[in-house]
Amino acid sequence: MARYSTSEIIRDENRKRKRSTVIIPVPTGTSEDVYIQTTSPERLDKLADIFYNDSTLWWIIAAANNLGKGTFIVPRNTRLRIPDQSTILNDIQTVNNNR
């Protein structure tokens, strides 16, 4: 699942190819979400690898918890919501298809 899978390839005024803008909403909470409490500093990419088997999906955890602005490190004693992977995909598609 790529973060830009819902974006289209378009051409700008100079005929250069680029991707259209993708809006990534804050993942809505569901009963499928997992909650954890970090006991030591953790990295977003490592958590994504543990929960999604794909370290490139760190941005899902970051968006759900308002993290990842300048660092992958999650401080000790932070409560995190790990969203259901399919829910965020559906949210991204819904938001971007309805604009």
Foldseek 3Di string as FASTA:
>chain_A
DDPQPQWDWDADPVRDTDTDDFDQAQQDDDPPKDKDAAQAKDFLLVVCCVPVVGSVVSVNQCSNVVDDPVGRIDHHGDMTIGDDPVRSVVVRNVVVVVD
